[in-house]
Amino acid sequence: MQAITIGTAAGIDEIRQRLDDEFRILRAEGVSVRIGQSHRGAFAFLDCAVDADGSARSAQIGSLLRESVATALSDVIVEKWEDHLIRKIIRGSYSYFSRDEQDLIAAYTGRTLRSGAEDARGGNAEGRKTRILRRLRDYLDTADELVLEGFVNFRLRDYIEELEDAVDRAVDEYLMEREHREFIRLLRHFVDIQEPRIDHVHVLLGPGGSFRLVDDDGGAIRSEALEEFVVEMVEDEVSHEDLLISALITLAPRRLTVHRSGRPSGRDEAFETILGVFGERTAECEGCTLCSPTHAGACEPSQATWQH
């Protein structure tokens, strides 16, 4: 008989369920696999055993047992334990955030890890699982007992560091978004207390951050204060979005309509910022003559298209 013993202080049921899923494949091939459970103090142990008599077939069965256990445990670590590990890191390194903030940071971290972004050190979930599976195989080749918490903390130190890096990036992202929300809230308050200077502005958003501000007839909006402001902003090399929002605040329109036919599909941060600052004053056009390519395209600065 060959056996592997797995110990854990938490999550014994989900580990057993995942092992049962793997062993079902072995059992379908006629291999007799048994799982026994015992307890030692705070730890529960699963004893996974297969019949073996020293023959070549038995050696193959033992190899299949180790592969099945490694596969099951790598799945459990990434799919079941990863969120717990992330939250543990957040509680340890960023305890000064509120519980709700910690929940948001955990969600940001999970999103980054799931996306498998090229700049994410940990890669995607399948990549992490593959590396952990390889480490488990190596360990089980020379040992027949494994305490999962100890294995994760000491044998997967690089994996924990990957999660720590992902948490750090998530905190940076959260702080930037929080700062942005606070800035938008401040701008909205300023807009709310400001007297409107113009009744209606059409905002034509084009590709690459370009935009035009026109009136109801499609003519460029002229304003001495605005043009002086735009020149100053361009010389300061601010972003397109900042320039657009600042120009709209300078005009202080009572109403504004946003035309986005010239923008690619997907999330539009400029449009989201306009909505955040101007709220119910904002309407989105679903298609009109102003949305035609002749209006939405880039124009010369004299035609009130401000780009830099």
Protein backbone atom coordinates (compact mmCIF):
# COMPACT_ATOMS: atom_id res chain seq x y z
CA MET A 1 0.00 0.00 0.00
CA GLN A 2 1.19 3.52 -0.79
CA ALA A 3 -0.21 6.52 1.09
CA ILE A 4 0.07 10.30 1.27
CA THR A 5 -1.09 12.22 4.33
CA ILE A 6 -2.31 15.81 4.02
CA GLY A 7 -2.74 18.00 7.09
CA THR A 8 -4.48 21.35 7.41
CA ALA A 9 -5.90 23.61 10.09
CA ALA A 10 -8.69 24.88 7.83
CA GLY A 11 -10.71 23.92 4.78
CA ILE A 12 -10.51 20.15 5.24
CA ASP A 13 -13.90 19.58 3.57
CA GLU A 14 -13.03 21.45 0.38
CA ILE A 15 -9.71 19.61 0.18
CA ARG A 16 -11.43 16.26 0.58
CA GLN A 17 -14.01 17.16 -2.06
CA ARG A 18 -11.30 18.13 -4.54
CA LEU A 19 -9.37 14.93 -3.81
CA ASP A 20 -12.53 12.89 -4.36
CA ASP A 21 -12.91 14.55 -7.77
CA GLU A 22 -9.37 13.54 -8.75
CA PHE A 23 -9.63 10.03 -7.32
CA ARG A 24 -12.83 9.42 -9.25
CA ILE A 25 -10.68 9.30 -12.37
CA LEU A 26 -8.38 6.69 -10.80
CA ARG A 27 -11.29 4.64 -9.58
CA ALA A 28 -12.76 4.65 -13.10
CA GLU A 29 -9.52 2.94 -14.18
CA GLY A 30 -9.91 0.23 -11.55
CA VAL A 31 -7.55 1.71 -8.94
CA SER A 32 -8.71 1.28 -5.34
CA VAL A 33 -8.26 4.61 -3.51
CA ARG A 34 -9.25 5.19 0.11
CA ILE A 35 -9.38 8.41 2.13
CA GLY A 36 -9.21 8.24 5.92
CA GLN A 37 -9.55 11.23 8.23
CA SER A 38 -8.06 11.87 11.66
CA HIS A 39 -7.34 14.82 13.96
CA ARG A 40 -4.28 15.92 15.93
CA GLY A 41 -4.90 19.00 17.98
CA ALA A 42 -6.06 21.86 15.74
CA PHE A 43 -5.13 19.97 12.56
CA ALA A 44 -7.15 17.53 10.49
CA PHE A 45 -5.37 14.91 8.40
CA LEU A 46 -6.46 13.04 5.31
CA ASP A 47 -4.74 9.72 4.61
CA CYS A 48 -4.94 8.92 0.88
CA ALA A 49 -3.97 5.32 0.15
CA VAL A 50 -3.82 3.01 -2.86
CA ASP A 51 -3.09 -0.71 -2.95
CA ALA A 52 0.48 -1.46 -4.04
CA ASP A 53 2.56 -4.65 -3.94
CA GLY A 54 5.90 -3.47 -5.28
CA SER A 55 5.24 -4.36 -8.90
CA ALA A 56 5.79 -2.07 -11.86
CA ARG A 57 2.05 -1.49 -12.00
CA SER A 58 2.10 -0.49 -8.34
CA ALA A 59 4.86 2.05 -8.99
CA GLN A 60 2.74 3.56 -11.74
CA ILE A 61 -0.29 3.69 -9.43
CA GLY A 62 1.83 5.42 -6.76
CA SER A 63 2.90 8.00 -9.33
CA LEU A 64 -0.74 8.56 -10.31
CA LEU A 65 -1.63 9.02 -6.64
CA ARG A 66 1.03 11.73 -6.21
CA GLU A 67 -0.08 13.46 -9.41
CA SER A 68 -3.73 13.43 -8.33
CA VAL A 69 -2.92 14.81 -4.87
CA ALA A 70 -0.67 17.54 -6.33
CA THR A 71 -3.34 18.54 -8.86
CA ALA A 72 -6.07 18.70 -6.22
CA LEU A 73 -3.96 20.75 -3.80
CA SER A 74 -2.78 23.21 -6.47
CA ASP A 75 -6.43 23.82 -7.37
CA VAL A 76 -7.38 24.35 -3.72
CA ILE A 77 -4.52 26.80 -3.10
CA VAL A 78 -5.31 29.01 -6.11
CA GLU A 79 -9.08 28.68 -6.32
CA LYS A 80 -10.02 28.43 -2.63
CA TRP A 81 -7.18 29.76 -0.50
CA GLU A 82 -5.91 32.63 -2.60
CA ASP A 83 -8.59 35.10 -1.50
CA HIS A 84 -7.95 34.19 2.15
CA LEU A 85 -4.20 34.69 1.64
CA ILE A 86 -4.80 38.08 0.00
CA ARG A 87 -7.02 39.24 2.86
CA LYS A 88 -4.44 38.04 5.39
CA ILE A 89 -1.76 40.11 3.63
CA ILE A 90 -4.05 43.16 3.61
CA ARG A 91 -4.85 42.80 7.32
CA GLY A 92 -1.16 42.47 8.13
CA SER A 93 0.23 45.28 5.96
CA TYR A 94 -2.74 47.66 5.60
CA SER A 95 -4.68 47.30 8.84
CA TYR A 96 -5.23 51.07 8.96
CA PHE A 97 -7.81 50.84 6.16
CA SER A 98 -11.42 50.29 7.18
CA ARG A 99 -13.07 46.91 6.63
CA ASP A 100 -14.93 48.23 3.58
CA GLU A 101 -11.69 49.63 2.14
CA GLN A 102 -9.93 46.34 2.74
CA ASP A 103 -12.75 44.57 0.88
CA LEU A 104 -12.28 46.93 -2.08
CA ILE A 105 -8.51 46.38 -2.09
CA ALA A 106 -9.07 42.62 -2.03
CA ALA A 107 -11.44 42.95 -4.98
CA TYR A 108 -8.88 45.08 -6.89
CA THR A 109 -6.18 42.50 -6.14
CA GLY A 110 -8.32 39.62 -7.36
CA ARG A 111 -9.20 41.52 -10.52
CA THR A 112 -5.52 42.15 -11.26
CA LEU A 113 -4.59 38.52 -10.68
CA ARG A 114 -7.48 37.20 -12.75
CA SER A 115 -6.70 39.52 -15.64
CA GLY A 116 -3.22 38.08 -16.09
CA ALA A 117 -1.98 41.52 -17.19
CA GLU A 118 1.49 41.49 -18.73
CA ASP A 119 2.86 43.70 -15.98
CA ALA A 120 1.40 41.51 -13.24
CA ARG A 121 4.27 39.60 -11.71
CA GLY A 122 2.02 36.68 -10.77
CA GLY A 123 0.60 36.12 -14.26
CA ASN A 124 -2.82 34.51 -14.57
CA ALA A 125 -4.43 31.89 -12.35
CA GLU A 126 -3.49 28.99 -14.62
CA GLY A 127 0.13 30.09 -14.65
CA ARG A 128 0.25 30.27 -10.85
CA LYS A 129 -1.47 26.90 -10.56
CA THR A 130 1.03 25.29 -12.95
CA ARG A 131 4.01 26.56 -10.94
CA ILE A 132 2.48 25.43 -7.65
CA LEU A 133 1.64 22.03 -9.16
CA ARG A 134 5.27 21.59 -10.19
CA ARG A 135 6.44 22.47 -6.68
CA LEU A 136 3.97 20.00 -5.13
CA ARG A 137 5.11 17.21 -7.46
CA ASP A 138 8.73 17.78 -6.48
CA TYR A 139 7.86 17.73 -2.79
CA LEU A 140 5.71 14.58 -2.96
CA ASP A 141 8.46 12.75 -4.85
CA THR A 142 10.48 12.69 -1.60
CA ALA A 143 7.82 13.00 1.15
CA ASP A 144 4.58 11.25 1.98
CA GLU A 145 3.20 13.78 4.49
CA LEU A 146 2.40 17.43 3.83
CA VAL A 147 0.93 20.12 6.07
CA LEU A 148 -0.62 22.53 3.63
CA GLU A 149 -0.19 25.76 5.64
CA GLY A 150 3.49 25.02 6.18
CA PHE A 151 3.99 24.15 2.53
CA VAL A 152 2.40 27.44 1.40
CA ASN A 153 4.30 29.58 3.91
CA PHE A 154 7.74 28.04 3.44
CA ARG A 155 7.82 26.23 0.10
CA LEU A 156 5.76 28.80 -1.81
CA ARG A 157 7.43 31.96 -0.50
CA ASP A 158 7.77 33.34 -4.03
CA TYR A 159 4.02 32.81 -4.56
CA ILE A 160 3.24 34.74 -1.37
CA GLU A 161 5.53 37.54 -2.57
CA GLU A 162 3.60 37.63 -5.85
CA LEU A 163 0.37 38.09 -3.91
CA GLU A 164 2.01 40.79 -1.77
CA ASP A 165 3.09 42.64 -4.92
CA ALA A 166 -0.44 42.37 -6.31
CA VAL A 167 -1.86 43.77 -3.05
CA ASP A 168 0.60 46.68 -3.15
CA ARG A 169 -0.46 47.51 -6.72
CA ALA A 170 -4.12 47.26 -5.70
CA VAL A 171 -3.55 49.70 -2.83
CA ASP A 172 -1.92 52.17 -5.24
CA GLU A 173 -4.86 51.79 -7.61
CA TYR A 174 -7.36 52.26 -4.79
CA LEU A 175 -5.62 55.39 -3.47
CA MET A 176 -5.49 56.90 -6.97
CA GLU A 177 -9.17 56.21 -7.54
CA ARG A 178 -10.07 57.58 -4.10
CA GLU A 179 -8.10 60.74 -4.82
CA HIS A 180 -9.84 61.01 -8.19
CA ARG A 181 -13.28 60.59 -6.60
CA GLU A 182 -12.52 63.26 -4.01
CA PHE A 183 -11.32 65.61 -6.75
CA ILE A 184 -14.47 64.97 -8.80
CA ARG A 185 -16.58 65.64 -5.70
CA LEU A 186 -14.78 68.95 -5.18
CA LEU A 187 -15.28 69.95 -8.84
CA ARG A 188 -18.95 69.05 -8.68
CA HIS A 189 -19.41 71.22 -5.60
CA PHE A 190 -17.70 74.09 -7.42
CA VAL A 191 -19.99 73.61 -10.44
CA ASP A 192 -23.09 73.49 -8.24
CA ILE A 193 -22.35 76.84 -6.58
CA GLN A 194 -21.25 78.57 -9.79
CA GLU A 195 -23.69 80.64 -11.84
CA PRO A 196 -24.10 79.20 -15.38
CA ARG A 197 -22.44 81.36 -18.06
CA ILE A 198 -23.90 79.63 -21.12
CA ASP A 199 -27.13 77.75 -21.69
CA HIS A 200 -26.06 74.72 -23.74
CA VAL A 201 -22.76 73.21 -24.89
CA HIS A 202 -22.24 70.25 -27.21
CA VAL A 203 -19.12 68.21 -26.42
CA LEU A 204 -17.85 66.25 -29.43
CA LEU A 205 -15.40 63.61 -28.22
CA GLY A 206 -13.00 62.36 -30.89
CA PRO A 207 -10.25 59.74 -31.02
CA GLY A 208 -7.00 60.12 -29.16
CA GLY A 209 -8.48 62.46 -26.56
CA SER A 210 -9.42 65.20 -29.07
CA PHE A 211 -12.61 67.15 -28.50
CA ARG A 212 -14.65 70.10 -29.76
CA LEU A 213 -17.07 72.38 -27.95
CA VAL A 214 -19.85 73.71 -30.19
CA ASP A 215 -23.22 75.43 -29.87
CA ASP A 216 -26.65 74.19 -31.00
CA ASP A 217 -25.88 75.17 -34.62
CA GLY A 218 -22.58 73.28 -34.62
CA GLY A 219 -20.49 76.44 -34.52
CA ALA A 220 -17.37 76.66 -32.38
CA ILE A 221 -18.04 78.32 -29.04
CA ARG A 222 -16.14 81.58 -28.73
CA SER A 223 -15.13 83.00 -25.37
CA GLU A 224 -12.24 85.34 -24.66
CA ALA A 225 -11.87 83.96 -21.15
CA LEU A 226 -11.99 80.42 -22.51
CA GLU A 227 -9.40 81.01 -25.24
CA GLU A 228 -7.00 82.66 -22.81
CA PHE A 229 -7.54 79.78 -20.44
CA VAL A 230 -6.95 77.15 -23.15
CA VAL A 231 -3.68 78.76 -24.24
CA GLU A 232 -2.50 78.76 -20.63
CA MET A 233 -3.53 75.13 -20.10
CA VAL A 234 -1.85 73.95 -23.33
CA GLU A 235 1.37 75.69 -22.36
CA ASP A 236 1.24 73.83 -19.03
CA GLU A 237 1.01 70.50 -20.97
CA VAL A 238 -1.98 69.12 -19.08
CA SER A 239 -3.84 66.00 -20.22
CA HIS A 240 -6.68 66.10 -22.76
CA GLU A 241 -9.20 65.07 -20.11
CA ASP A 242 -8.06 67.75 -17.66
CA LEU A 243 -8.18 70.34 -20.42
CA LEU A 244 -11.71 69.31 -21.40
CA ILE A 245 -13.09 69.35 -17.86
CA SER A 246 -11.39 72.65 -17.05
CA ALA A 247 -12.75 74.22 -20.25
CA LEU A 248 -16.28 73.09 -19.39
CA ILE A 249 -15.99 74.44 -15.86
CA THR A 250 -14.80 77.75 -17.29
CA LEU A 251 -17.86 77.87 -19.60
CA ALA A 252 -20.17 76.75 -16.75
CA PRO A 253 -22.98 75.49 -19.05
CA ARG A 254 -26.51 75.07 -17.77
CA ARG A 255 -26.80 71.93 -19.93
CA LEU A 256 -24.35 69.91 -21.98
CA THR A 257 -24.74 67.11 -24.52
CA VAL A 258 -21.94 64.65 -25.11
CA HIS A 259 -21.43 63.14 -28.57
CA ARG A 260 -19.23 60.03 -28.60
CA SER A 261 -19.52 58.70 -32.15
CA GLY A 262 -15.83 59.42 -32.72
CA ARG A 263 -14.70 57.34 -29.75
CA PRO A 264 -13.84 53.63 -29.68
CA SER A 265 -16.24 51.34 -27.85
CA GLY A 266 -15.60 50.41 -24.23
CA ARG A 267 -14.98 52.44 -21.12
CA ASP A 268 -14.68 56.19 -21.74
CA GLU A 269 -13.00 57.88 -18.79
CA ALA A 270 -13.57 61.40 -20.15
CA PHE A 271 -17.31 60.78 -20.43
CA GLU A 272 -17.40 59.23 -16.93
CA THR A 273 -15.61 62.30 -15.54
CA ILE A 274 -18.07 64.67 -17.23
CA LEU A 275 -20.94 62.72 -15.69
CA GLY A 276 -19.26 62.82 -12.30
CA VAL A 277 -18.72 66.59 -12.40
CA PHE A 278 -21.87 67.81 -14.15
CA GLY A 279 -24.31 65.09 -13.15
CA GLU A 280 -27.89 65.67 -14.27
CA ARG A 281 -26.86 68.56 -16.51
CA THR A 282 -25.32 65.95 -18.83
CA ALA A 283 -27.08 64.17 -21.69
CA GLU A 284 -25.58 61.69 -24.15
CA CYS A 285 -26.45 61.97 -27.83
CA GLU A 286 -27.44 58.73 -29.56
CA GLY A 287 -26.76 60.06 -33.04
CA CYS A 288 -27.30 63.35 -34.87
CA THR A 289 -25.78 65.53 -37.60
CA LEU A 290 -23.15 66.78 -35.14
CA CYS A 291 -21.94 63.21 -34.75
CA SER A 292 -21.04 62.93 -38.43
CA PRO A 293 -17.33 62.53 -39.28
CA THR A 294 -17.13 66.09 -40.59
CA HIS A 295 -18.02 67.39 -37.15
CA ALA A 296 -16.35 64.78 -34.93
CA GLY A 297 -12.95 64.85 -36.63
CA ALA A 298 -9.99 66.88 -35.52
CA CYS A 299 -9.92 70.54 -36.58
CA GLU A 300 -7.49 73.39 -36.45
CA PRO A 301 -7.17 75.30 -33.14
CA SER A 302 -8.96 78.24 -34.77
CA GLN A 303 -12.01 75.96 -35.07
CA ALA A 304 -11.94 75.36 -31.31
CA THR A 305 -10.41 71.88 -31.32
CA TRP A 306 -7.92 71.90 -28.49
CA GLN A 307 -5.25 69.24 -28.70
CA HIS A 308 -1.67 68.99 -27.59
